[in-house]
Amino acid sequence: MHFLKHIFSDTEFSKEKSDLIISNFKRVNLKKHDFFQEEGKVAQYYYFIQSGFARSYAIDAHGNDITTNFYNAGDILIDWYSFIQKTPALDYIQSLTDCEGWQIEFNDFQHMFSTVGSFRDACRSRLVSSYFQLKKHSVSMITLTAKERYLQLLIDKPQIVQNVSLKHIATYLGITDTSLSRIRKEIAENV
């Protein structure tokens, strides 16, 4: 079965609508370290990741790259603001492994969004979900300890912890590599 059939399933979409939506997507393959999006460039595509891992990151005032999100199979990979507002992206989205996915260009996306109500509803739902995840992460940076943030990441995205470098995980959690190693050691000792 086509990967996108799982996303645009016949239970939510008629077969005709599902086929129409899928026909607007193009398969893409990126090698490890390739960019889906670069800072300063306007996002042109809306992606679904079929396999692999990616991350978004920004460069801080000291020149360090700080991970802002992780993506894996089934996730939408997009800089919503840049894509919708047609403004330069503020961060990068880079593959951490070889990635296979599906992309739709902005004009095709807009056409589907305005003409296929079920597509519009699904996209709105995913946008809201992305916003809630971002909000949850930003609030956790204030309200949770580093250990609690790591434990939450283990619950929310265990596959990320198993497949992504500790350096990227540490910056996502707002801590150093050394602090993350200490937290992981402490958790392992208490198991």
Protein backbone atom coordinates (compact mmCIF):
# COMPACT_ATOMS: atom_id res chain seq x y z
CA MET A 1 0.00 0.00 0.00
CA HIS A 2 1.23 3.49 -0.84
CA PHE A 3 2.64 5.26 2.25
CA LEU A 4 0.37 8.29 1.78
CA LYS A 5 -2.70 6.00 1.75
CA HIS A 6 -2.08 5.55 5.48
CA ILE A 7 -2.19 9.31 5.95
CA PHE A 8 -5.04 10.06 3.56
CA SER A 9 -6.94 6.90 4.41
CA ASP A 10 -10.17 5.89 2.76
CA THR A 11 -11.88 6.12 6.17
CA GLU A 12 -11.42 9.91 6.20
CA PHE A 13 -11.25 10.53 2.46
CA SER A 14 -13.17 9.09 -0.43
CA LYS A 15 -11.02 6.96 -2.75
CA GLU A 16 -11.26 9.66 -5.42
CA LYS A 17 -10.15 12.43 -3.02
CA SER A 18 -7.39 10.27 -1.59
CA ASP A 19 -6.09 9.45 -5.09
CA LEU A 20 -6.31 13.11 -6.11
CA ILE A 21 -4.37 14.28 -3.06
CA ILE A 22 -1.69 11.60 -3.43
CA SER A 23 -1.23 12.39 -7.12
CA ASN A 24 -0.04 15.88 -6.13
CA PHE A 25 2.84 14.54 -4.02
CA LYS A 26 6.27 13.68 -5.39
CA ARG A 27 8.67 11.13 -3.83
CA VAL A 28 11.93 12.62 -2.52
CA ASN A 29 15.07 11.01 -1.14
CA LEU A 30 17.59 12.94 0.90
CA LYS A 31 20.97 11.74 2.04
CA LYS A 32 22.20 12.16 5.60
CA HIS A 33 22.94 15.86 6.28
CA ASP A 34 20.96 17.14 3.26
CA PHE A 35 18.64 20.08 3.90
CA PHE A 36 14.88 20.06 3.56
CA GLN A 37 14.94 23.78 4.39
CA GLU A 38 17.65 26.39 4.93
CA GLU A 39 17.57 29.53 7.02
CA GLY A 40 16.87 32.63 4.95
CA LYS A 41 15.11 30.74 2.14
CA VAL A 42 11.33 30.62 1.72
CA ALA A 43 9.84 27.17 2.32
CA GLN A 44 8.52 25.80 -0.98
CA TYR A 45 7.37 22.33 0.08
CA TYR A 46 5.19 20.52 2.57
CA TYR A 47 6.77 17.12 3.37
CA PHE A 48 5.75 13.84 4.93
CA ILE A 49 8.62 11.65 6.11
CA GLN A 50 8.21 8.01 5.19
CA SER A 51 11.48 6.83 6.72
CA GLY A 52 14.48 8.35 8.43
CA PHE A 53 15.09 11.09 10.97
CA ALA A 54 15.49 14.86 10.66
CA ARG A 55 15.74 17.85 12.93
CA SER A 56 15.15 21.57 12.80
CA TYR A 57 17.70 23.86 14.37
CA ALA A 58 18.61 27.50 14.69
CA ILE A 59 21.97 29.17 15.24
CA ASP A 60 22.18 31.07 18.53
CA ALA A 61 24.02 34.37 19.14
CA HIS A 62 27.23 32.44 19.93
CA GLY A 63 27.20 30.41 16.71
CA ASN A 64 25.93 27.17 18.29
CA ASP A 65 23.28 25.14 16.54
CA ILE A 66 20.33 24.46 18.85
CA THR A 67 17.84 21.73 17.96
CA THR A 68 14.25 22.99 17.96
CA ASN A 69 12.42 19.84 16.85
CA PHE A 70 12.81 16.25 15.68
CA TYR A 71 10.97 14.45 12.88
CA ASN A 72 10.58 10.78 12.03
CA ALA A 73 8.39 8.47 9.94
CA GLY A 74 4.83 9.77 9.61
CA ASP A 75 5.66 13.33 10.67
CA ILE A 76 5.03 16.46 8.66
CA LEU A 77 8.26 18.27 8.06
CA ILE A 78 7.62 21.93 7.42
CA ASP A 79 8.41 25.45 8.50
CA TRP A 80 4.74 26.47 8.72
CA TYR A 81 5.38 30.18 9.05
CA SER A 82 7.75 30.39 6.08
CA PHE A 83 5.55 28.11 3.94
CA ILE A 84 2.24 29.90 4.57
CA GLN A 85 3.50 33.49 4.92
CA LYS A 86 6.15 33.16 2.17
CA THR A 87 8.81 34.68 4.43
CA PRO A 88 12.43 33.53 4.82
CA ALA A 89 12.82 30.62 7.25
CA LEU A 90 14.42 31.36 10.60
CA ASP A 91 15.96 27.92 10.99
CA TYR A 92 17.23 24.88 9.14
CA ILE A 93 15.61 21.48 8.67
CA GLN A 94 18.24 18.81 8.04
CA SER A 95 18.19 15.05 7.60
CA LEU A 96 20.01 13.15 10.35
CA THR A 97 19.87 9.90 8.36
CA ASP A 98 19.00 9.06 4.80
CA CYS A 99 15.34 10.07 4.48
CA GLU A 100 12.58 9.07 2.14
CA GLY A 101 9.51 11.24 1.95
CA TRP A 102 6.82 12.92 -0.09
CA GLN A 103 6.56 16.59 -0.97
CA ILE A 104 3.89 18.82 -2.37
CA GLU A 105 4.66 22.25 -3.81
CA PHE A 106 3.06 25.36 -2.37
CA ASN A 107 0.73 26.06 -5.32
CA ASP A 108 -0.51 22.46 -5.42
CA PHE A 109 -0.94 22.53 -1.65
CA GLN A 110 -2.95 25.77 -1.86
CA HIS A 111 -5.13 24.35 -4.62
CA MET A 112 -5.85 21.17 -2.65
CA PHE A 113 -6.41 23.21 0.52
CA SER A 114 -9.01 25.41 -1.17
CA THR A 115 -10.80 22.72 -3.17
CA VAL A 116 -10.73 19.56 -1.02
CA GLY A 117 -12.43 20.15 2.32
CA SER A 118 -11.18 16.91 3.89
CA PHE A 119 -7.58 17.84 2.94
CA ARG A 120 -8.06 21.32 4.45
CA ASP A 121 -9.47 19.79 7.66
CA ALA A 122 -6.61 17.29 7.94
CA CYS A 123 -4.01 20.04 7.39
CA ARG A 124 -5.62 22.31 9.96
CA SER A 125 -5.67 19.45 12.45
CA ARG A 126 -1.97 18.75 11.85
CA LEU A 127 -1.13 22.46 12.17
CA VAL A 128 -2.95 22.66 15.49
CA SER A 129 -1.23 19.49 16.69
CA SER A 130 2.17 20.93 15.71
CA TYR A 131 1.37 24.12 17.59
CA PHE A 132 0.37 22.18 20.73
CA GLN A 133 3.59 20.12 20.60
CA LEU A 134 5.66 23.29 20.24
CA LYS A 135 3.78 24.96 23.10
CA LYS A 136 4.21 21.88 25.31
CA HIS A 137 7.96 21.86 24.63
CA SER A 138 8.39 25.60 25.28
CA VAL A 139 6.50 25.43 28.57
CA SER A 140 8.42 22.31 29.62
CA MET A 141 11.66 24.29 29.21
CA ILE A 142 10.39 26.54 32.00
CA THR A 143 8.41 24.19 34.23
CA LEU A 144 10.28 20.87 34.14
CA THR A 145 13.73 19.86 35.27
CA ALA A 146 16.21 18.61 32.67
CA LYS A 147 15.62 15.04 33.87
CA GLU A 148 11.85 15.44 33.57
CA ARG A 149 12.24 16.85 30.04
CA TYR A 150 14.38 13.87 29.05
CA LEU A 151 11.88 11.41 30.54
CA GLN A 152 9.09 13.17 28.65
CA LEU A 153 11.07 12.86 25.41
CA LEU A 154 11.47 9.13 26.12
CA ILE A 155 7.67 8.88 26.37
CA ASP A 156 6.78 11.18 23.45
CA LYS A 157 9.46 10.14 20.95
CA PRO A 158 11.37 7.03 22.08
CA GLN A 159 12.58 6.38 18.53
CA ILE A 160 14.37 9.75 18.55
CA VAL A 161 16.30 8.87 21.71
CA GLN A 162 17.35 5.57 20.12
CA ASN A 163 18.44 7.02 16.76
CA VAL A 164 19.67 10.59 17.23
CA SER A 165 22.99 11.83 18.61
CA LEU A 166 23.13 12.84 22.25
CA LYS A 167 24.50 16.25 21.23
CA HIS A 168 21.30 17.07 19.31
CA ILE A 169 19.09 15.71 22.10
CA ALA A 170 20.99 17.78 24.68
CA THR A 171 20.51 21.05 22.76
CA TYR A 172 16.81 20.23 22.29
CA LEU A 173 16.50 19.76 26.06
CA GLY A 174 18.48 22.95 26.76
CA ILE A 175 21.35 21.19 28.53
CA THR A 176 24.95 20.20 27.88
CA ASP A 177 26.09 16.79 26.63
CA THR A 178 27.69 16.18 30.03
CA SER A 179 24.43 16.91 31.87
CA LEU A 180 22.53 14.57 29.56
CA SER A 181 25.08 11.79 30.13
CA ARG A 182 24.71 12.25 33.89
CA ILE A 183 20.90 12.12 33.64
CA ARG A 184 21.02 8.97 31.49
CA LYS A 185 23.45 7.31 33.93
CA GLU A 186 21.21 8.21 36.89
CA ILE A 187 18.13 6.80 35.16
CA ALA A 188 19.98 3.58 34.22
CA GLU A 189 21.13 3.11 37.82
CA ASN A 190 17.55 3.44 39.11
CA VAL A 191 16.08 0.88 36.72
